[in-house]
PDB file of N, CA and C in Angstrom:
ATOM      1  N   MET A   1       9.648 -15.371  16.758  1.00  0.00           N
ATOM      2  CA  MET A   1       9.114 -14.322  16.073  1.00  0.00           C
ATOM      3  C   MET A   1       7.895 -13.912  16.824  1.00  0.00           C
ATOM      4  N   SER A   2       8.132 -12.418  17.364  1.00  0.00           N
ATOM      5  CA  SER A   2       7.156 -11.771  17.919  1.00  0.00           C
ATOM      6  C   SER A   2       6.084 -10.989  17.138  1.00  0.00           C
ATOM      7  N   ASN A   3       4.961 -10.647  17.666  1.00  0.00           N
ATOM      8  CA  ASN A   3       3.892  -9.751  16.755  1.00  0.00           C
ATOM      9  C   ASN A   3       4.232  -8.359  17.228  1.00  0.00           C
ATOM     10  N   GLU A   4       5.000  -7.823  18.012  1.00  0.00           N
ATOM     11  CA  GLU A   4       5.107  -6.530  18.521  1.00  0.00           C
ATOM     12  C   GLU A   4       5.299  -5.495  17.372  1.00  0.00           C
ATOM     13  N   ASN A   5       5.877  -5.695  16.327  1.00  0.00           N
ATOM     14  CA  ASN A   5       6.000  -4.881  15.206  1.00  0.00           C
ATOM     15  C   ASN A   5       5.010  -4.978  13.900  1.00  0.00           C
ATOM     16  N   VAL A   6       3.993  -5.936  14.194  1.00  0.00           N
ATOM     17  CA  VAL A   6       3.223  -6.291  13.146  1.00  0.00           C
ATOM     18  C   VAL A   6       1.643  -5.539  13.355  1.00  0.00           C
ATOM     19  N   VAL A   7       1.441  -5.001  12.189  1.00  0.00           N
ATOM     20  CA  VAL A   7       0.057  -4.047  12.259  1.00  0.00           C
ATOM     21  C   VAL A   7      -1.044  -5.061  11.518  1.00  0.00           C
ATOM     22  N   PHE A   8      -2.082  -5.277  12.255  1.00  0.00           N
ATOM     23  CA  PHE A   8      -3.173  -5.970  11.647  1.00  0.00           C
ATOM     24  C   PHE A   8      -4.157  -5.070  11.171  1.00  0.00           C
ATOM     25  N   LEU A   9      -4.609  -5.066   9.962  1.00  0.00           N
ATOM     26  CA  LEU A   9      -5.654  -4.200   9.425  1.00  0.00           C
ATOM     27  C   LEU A   9      -6.928  -4.846   9.135  1.00  0.00           C
ATOM     28  N   ALA A  10      -7.970  -4.037   9.472  1.00  0.00           N
ATOM     29  CA  ALA A  10      -9.274  -4.593   9.327  1.00  0.00           C
ATOM     30  C   ALA A  10      -9.914  -3.864   8.165  1.00  0.00           C
ATOM     31  N   PHE A  11     -10.887  -4.603   7.503  1.00  0.00           N
ATOM     32  CA  PHE A  11     -11.474  -4.074   6.092  1.00  0.00           C
ATOM     33  C   PHE A  11     -12.781  -4.601   6.163  1.00  0.00           C
ATOM     34  N   SER A  12     -13.750  -3.480   5.917  1.00  0.00           N
ATOM     35  CA  SER A  12     -15.122  -3.971   5.831  1.00  0.00           C
ATOM     36  C   SER A  12     -15.789  -3.217   4.812  1.00  0.00           C
ATOM     37  N   ASN A  13     -16.540  -3.919   3.905  1.00  0.00           N
ATOM     38  CA  ASN A  13     -17.144  -3.066   2.717  1.00  0.00           C
ATOM     39  C   ASN A  13     -18.399  -4.212   2.411  1.00  0.00           C
ATOM     40  N   PRO A  14     -19.526  -3.841   2.747  1.00  0.00           N
ATOM     41  CA  PRO A  14     -20.765  -4.635   2.400  1.00  0.00           C
ATOM     42  C   PRO A  14     -20.946  -4.676   0.799  1.00  0.00           C
ATOM     43  N   SER A  15     -20.572  -3.908   0.123  1.00  0.00           N
ATOM     44  CA  SER A  15     -20.815  -4.028  -1.360  1.00  0.00           C
ATOM     45  C   SER A  15     -19.931  -4.579  -2.178  1.00  0.00           C
ATOM     46  N   LEU A  16     -18.754  -5.027  -1.285  1.00  0.00           N
ATOM     47  CA  LEU A  16     -17.589  -5.890  -1.952  1.00  0.00           C
ATOM     48  C   LEU A  16     -17.927  -7.105  -2.611  1.00  0.00           C
ATOM     49  N   GLU A  17     -17.699  -7.298  -3.887  1.00  0.00           N
ATOM     50  CA  GLU A  17     -17.868  -8.622  -4.492  1.00  0.00           C
ATOM     51  C   GLU A  17     -16.875  -9.618  -3.789  1.00  0.00           C
ATOM     52  N   LEU A  18     -17.659 -10.802  -3.301  1.00  0.00           N
ATOM     53  CA  LEU A  18     -16.542 -11.807  -2.701  1.00  0.00           C
ATOM     54  C   LEU A  18     -15.978 -12.631  -3.801  1.00  0.00           C
ATOM     55  N   GLY A  19     -14.731 -13.050  -3.499  1.00  0.00           N
ATOM     56  CA  GLY A  19     -14.115 -13.811  -4.570  1.00  0.00           C
ATOM     57  C   GLY A  19     -13.604 -12.904  -5.537  1.00  0.00           C
ATOM     58  N   HIS A  20     -13.546 -11.557  -5.652  1.00  0.00           N
ATOM     59  CA  HIS A  20     -13.352 -10.677  -6.537  1.00  0.00           C
ATOM     60  C   HIS A  20     -11.770 -10.276  -6.270  1.00  0.00           C
ATOM     61  N   ARG A  21     -10.942 -10.337  -7.227  1.00  0.00           N
ATOM     62  CA  ARG A  21      -9.363  -9.715  -6.995  1.00  0.00           C
ATOM     63  C   ARG A  21      -9.265  -8.693  -8.035  1.00  0.00           C
ATOM     64  N   ASP A  22      -8.840  -7.444  -7.751  1.00  0.00           N
ATOM     65  CA  ASP A  22      -8.350  -6.535  -8.642  1.00  0.00           C
ATOM     66  C   ASP A  22      -6.860  -6.533  -8.406  1.00  0.00           C
ATOM     67  N   LEU A  23      -6.168  -6.083  -9.536  1.00  0.00           N
ATOM     68  CA  LEU A  23      -4.762  -6.152  -9.589  1.00  0.00           C
ATOM     69  C   LEU A  23      -4.483  -4.709 -10.108  1.00  0.00           C
ATOM     70  N   LEU A  24      -3.294  -4.153  -9.479  1.00  0.00           N
ATOM     71  CA  LEU A  24      -2.806  -2.792  -9.517  1.00  0.00           C
ATOM     72  C   LEU A  24      -1.767  -2.870 -10.637  1.00  0.00           C
ATOM     73  N   ALA A  25      -1.771  -1.998 -11.605  1.00  0.00           N
ATOM     74  CA  ALA A  25      -0.735  -2.084 -12.624  1.00  0.00           C
ATOM     75  C   ALA A  25      -0.279  -0.664 -12.846  1.00  0.00           C
ATOM     76  N   CYS A  26       0.995  -0.511 -13.230  1.00  0.00           N
ATOM     77  CA  CYS A  26       1.545   0.601 -13.353  1.00  0.00           C
ATOM     78  C   CYS A  26       1.023   1.328 -14.532  1.00  0.00           C
ATOM     79  N   VAL A  27       0.629   2.579 -14.568  1.00  0.00           N
ATOM     80  CA  VAL A  27       0.169   3.322 -15.681  1.00  0.00           C
ATOM     81  C   VAL A  27       1.149   3.674 -16.689  1.00  0.00           C
ATOM     82  N   THR A  28       2.383   3.526 -16.450  1.00  0.00           N
ATOM     83  CA  THR A  28       3.422   3.966 -17.270  1.00  0.00           C
ATOM     84  C   THR A  28       3.641   2.644 -18.361  1.00  0.00           C
ATOM     85  N   CYS A  29       3.952   1.725 -17.602  1.00  0.00           N
ATOM     86  CA  CYS A  29       4.561   0.435 -18.298  1.00  0.00           C
ATOM     87  C   CYS A  29       3.522  -0.883 -18.350  1.00  0.00           C
ATOM     88  N   ARG A  30       2.544  -0.780 -17.440  1.00  0.00           N
ATOM     89  CA  ARG A  30       1.648  -1.996 -17.236  1.00  0.00           C
ATOM     90  C   ARG A  30       2.088  -3.035 -16.418  1.00  0.00           C
ATOM     91  N   ASN A  31       3.414  -2.946 -15.656  1.00  0.00           N
ATOM     92  CA  ASN A  31       3.859  -3.974 -14.986  1.00  0.00           C
ATOM     93  C   ASN A  31       2.981  -3.920 -13.714  1.00  0.00           C
ATOM     94  N   LYS A  32       2.935  -5.259 -13.231  1.00  0.00           N
ATOM     95  CA  LYS A  32       1.984  -5.706 -12.045  1.00  0.00           C
ATOM     96  C   LYS A  32       2.639  -5.950 -10.912  1.00  0.00           C
ATOM     97  N   THR A  33       4.171  -5.811 -10.887  1.00  0.00           N
ATOM     98  CA  THR A  33       4.776  -5.995  -9.728  1.00  0.00           C
ATOM     99  C   THR A  33       5.508  -4.545  -8.991  1.00  0.00           C
ATOM    100  N   PHE A  34       5.556  -4.441  -7.704  1.00  0.00           N
ATOM    101  CA  PHE A  34       5.912  -3.335  -7.241  1.00  0.00           C
ATOM    102  C   PHE A  34       6.820  -3.527  -6.101  1.00  0.00           C
ATOM    103  N   THR A  35       7.909  -2.745  -5.815  1.00  0.00           N
ATOM    104  CA  THR A  35       8.505  -2.738  -4.789  1.00  0.00           C
ATOM    105  C   THR A  35       8.329  -1.825  -3.688  1.00  0.00           C
ATOM    106  N   VAL A  36       8.638  -1.737  -2.464  1.00  0.00           N
ATOM    107  CA  VAL A  36       8.361  -0.756  -1.388  1.00  0.00           C
ATOM    108  C   VAL A  36       9.637  -0.216  -0.895  1.00  0.00           C
ATOM    109  N   VAL A  37       9.680   1.134  -0.978  1.00  0.00           N
ATOM    110  CA  VAL A  37      10.918   1.785  -0.719  1.00  0.00           C
ATOM    111  C   VAL A  37      10.811   2.479   0.681  1.00  0.00           C
ATOM    112  N   PHE A  38      11.782   2.119   1.554  1.00  0.00           N
ATOM    113  CA  PHE A  38      11.574   2.662   2.844  1.00  0.00           C
ATOM    114  C   PHE A  38      12.630   3.938   2.905  1.00  0.00           C
ATOM    115  N   ASN A  39      12.221   5.162   3.035  1.00  0.00           N
ATOM    116  CA  ASN A  39      12.902   6.489   2.941  1.00  0.00           C
ATOM    117  C   ASN A  39      13.399   6.929   4.171  1.00  0.00           C
ATOM    118  N   GLY A  40      12.625   6.284   5.357  1.00  0.00           N
ATOM    119  CA  GLY A  40      12.998   6.688   6.656  1.00  0.00           C
ATOM    120  C   GLY A  40      11.895   6.641   7.670  1.00  0.00           C
ATOM    121  N   HIS A  41      12.056   6.610   8.868  1.00  0.00           N
ATOM    122  CA  HIS A  41      10.944   6.538   9.889  1.00  0.00           C
ATOM    123  C   HIS A  41      10.006   7.493   9.959  1.00  0.00           C
ATOM    124  N   ASP A  42      10.251   8.765   9.452  1.00  0.00           N
ATOM    125  CA  ASP A  42       9.392   9.706   9.404  1.00  0.00           C
ATOM    126  C   ASP A  42       8.416   9.918   8.283  1.00  0.00           C
ATOM    127  N   GLU A  43       8.450   8.862   7.404  1.00  0.00           N
ATOM    128  CA  GLU A  43       7.629   9.056   6.052  1.00  0.00           C
ATOM    129  C   GLU A  43       7.117   7.674   5.743  1.00  0.00           C
ATOM    130  N   PHE A  44       5.971   7.509   5.142  1.00  0.00           N
ATOM    131  CA  PHE A  44       5.382   6.300   4.966  1.00  0.00           C
ATOM    132  C   PHE A  44       6.272   5.716   3.602  1.00  0.00           C
ATOM    133  N   PRO A  45       6.238   4.342   3.667  1.00  0.00           N
ATOM    134  CA  PRO A  45       6.812   3.542   2.529  1.00  0.00           C
ATOM    135  C   PRO A  45       6.343   3.966   1.238  1.00  0.00           C
ATOM    136  N   MET A  46       7.153   3.933   0.121  1.00  0.00           N
ATOM    137  CA  MET A  46       6.714   4.371  -1.219  1.00  0.00           C
ATOM    138  C   MET A  46       6.578   3.113  -2.130  1.00  0.00           C
ATOM    139  N   MET A  47       5.625   2.895  -2.757  1.00  0.00           N
ATOM    140  CA  MET A  47       5.543   1.851  -3.791  1.00  0.00           C
ATOM    141  C   MET A  47       6.136   2.402  -5.164  1.00  0.00           C
ATOM    142  N   GLN A  48       6.896   1.523  -5.711  1.00  0.00           N
ATOM    143  CA  GLN A  48       7.729   1.835  -6.848  1.00  0.00           C
ATOM    144  C   GLN A  48       7.795   0.892  -7.808  1.00  0.00           C
ATOM    145  N   CYS A  49       7.484   1.042  -9.303  1.00  0.00           N
ATOM    146  CA  CYS A  49       7.489   0.048 -10.212  1.00  0.00           C
ATOM    147  C   CYS A  49       9.149  -0.323 -10.424  1.00  0.00           C
ATOM    148  N   PRO A  50       9.391  -1.488 -10.229  1.00  0.00           N
ATOM    149  CA  PRO A  50      10.866  -1.963 -10.596  1.00  0.00           C
ATOM    150  C   PRO A  50      11.112  -1.958 -12.114  1.00  0.00           C
ATOM    151  N   ALA A  51      10.200  -2.052 -12.939  1.00  0.00           N
ATOM    152  CA  ALA A  51      10.390  -2.106 -14.329  1.00  0.00           C
ATOM    153  C   ALA A  51      10.798  -0.737 -15.004  1.00  0.00           C
ATOM    154  N   CYS A  52      10.202   0.400 -14.612  1.00  0.00           N
ATOM    155  CA  CYS A  52      10.191   1.603 -15.292  1.00  0.00           C
ATOM    156  C   CYS A  52      10.775   2.666 -14.138  1.00  0.00           C
ATOM    157  N   GLY A  53      10.479   2.478 -12.950  1.00  0.00           N
ATOM    158  CA  GLY A  53      10.953   3.416 -11.774  1.00  0.00           C
ATOM    159  C   GLY A  53       9.905   4.386 -11.394  1.00  0.00           C
ATOM    160  N   SER A  54       8.604   4.277 -11.980  1.00  0.00           N
ATOM    161  CA  SER A  54       7.526   5.298 -11.505  1.00  0.00           C
ATOM    162  C   SER A  54       7.085   5.012 -10.127  1.00  0.00           C
ATOM    163  N   HIS A  55       6.765   6.259  -9.483  1.00  0.00           N
ATOM    164  CA  HIS A  55       6.398   5.990  -8.235  1.00  0.00           C
ATOM    165  C   HIS A  55       4.814   5.966  -8.184  1.00  0.00           C
ATOM    166  N   VAL A  56       4.355   5.150  -7.586  1.00  0.00           N
ATOM    167  CA  VAL A  56       3.084   4.750  -7.714  1.00  0.00           C
ATOM    168  C   VAL A  56       2.155   5.604  -6.392  1.00  0.00           C
ATOM    169  N   GLY A  57       2.995   5.670  -5.331  1.00  0.00           N
ATOM    170  CA  GLY A  57       2.258   6.335  -4.160  1.00  0.00           C
ATOM    171  C   GLY A  57       2.858   5.805  -2.962  1.00  0.00           C
ATOM    172  N   ARG A  58       2.564   6.363  -1.786  1.00  0.00           N
ATOM    173  CA  ARG A  58       2.834   5.919  -0.486  1.00  0.00           C
ATOM    174  C   ARG A  58       1.751   5.094   0.136  1.00  0.00           C
ATOM    175  N   ILE A  59       2.241   4.155   0.994  1.00  0.00           N
ATOM    176  CA  ILE A  59       1.174   3.094   1.688  1.00  0.00           C
ATOM    177  C   ILE A  59       1.713   3.295   3.451  1.00  0.00           C
ATOM    178  N   GLY A  60       0.596   3.019   3.887  1.00  0.00           N
ATOM    179  CA  GLY A  60       0.703   3.085   5.281  1.00  0.00           C
ATOM    180  C   GLY A  60      -0.657   3.447   6.185  1.00  0.00           C
ATOM    181  N   TRP A  61      -0.642   3.698   7.353  1.00  0.00           N
ATOM    182  CA  TRP A  61      -1.790   3.880   8.002  1.00  0.00           C
ATOM    183  C   TRP A  61      -1.533   5.033   9.115  1.00  0.00           C
ATOM    184  N   ALA A  62      -2.326   5.739   9.477  1.00  0.00           N
ATOM    185  CA  ALA A  62      -2.147   6.791  10.245  1.00  0.00           C
ATOM    186  C   ALA A  62      -3.210   6.665  11.602  1.00  0.00           C
ATOM    187  N   PRO A  63      -2.742   6.961  12.607  1.00  0.00           N
ATOM    188  CA  PRO A  63      -3.661   7.054  13.792  1.00  0.00           C
ATOM    189  C   PRO A  63      -4.945   7.879  13.622  1.00  0.00           C
ATOM    190  N   LYS A  64      -6.233   7.363  14.077  1.00  0.00           N
ATOM    191  CA  LYS A  64      -7.280   8.144  13.888  1.00  0.00           C
ATOM    192  C   LYS A  64      -7.379   9.502  14.080  1.00  0.00           C
ATOM    193  N   ASP A  65      -6.571   9.994  15.205  1.00  0.00           N
ATOM    194  CA  ASP A  65      -6.579  11.542  15.275  1.00  0.00           C
ATOM    195  C   ASP A  65      -5.964  12.295  14.410  1.00  0.00           C
ATOM    196  N   GLU A  66      -5.303  11.697  13.368  1.00  0.00           N
ATOM    197  CA  GLU A  66      -4.498  12.215  12.318  1.00  0.00           C
ATOM    198  C   GLU A  66      -5.179  12.195  10.968  1.00  0.00           C
ATOM    199  N   VAL A  67      -6.138  11.490  10.922  1.00  0.00           N
ATOM    200  CA  VAL A  67      -6.819  11.362   9.655  1.00  0.00           C
ATOM    201  C   VAL A  67      -7.766  12.541   9.272  1.00  0.00           C
ATOM    202  N   SER A  68      -7.502  13.151   7.988  1.00  0.00           N
ATOM    203  CA  SER A  68      -8.112  14.406   7.595  1.00  0.00           C
ATOM    204  C   SER A  68      -9.654  14.042   7.395  1.00  0.00           C
ATOM    205  N   LYS A  69     -10.513  14.996   7.685  1.00  0.00           N
ATOM    206  CA  LYS A  69     -11.909  14.705   7.535  1.00  0.00           C
ATOM    207  C   LYS A  69     -12.536  15.331   6.311  1.00  0.00           C
TER     208      LYS A  69
END
């Protein structure tokens, strides 16, 4: 297995509480499990609740030159 299609993300937040874990829950049914739906290569993958079908939002990263200010 190669790493050519793997994206390594870095995160730094000096005010982050160490050892703390936040859970994301669906606002409609409070389910805490999500699926990722890939709509195509031109869109970010969408997170969707498998219990009620609500769309949570899209996930992904963008190059620095495309980030809005």
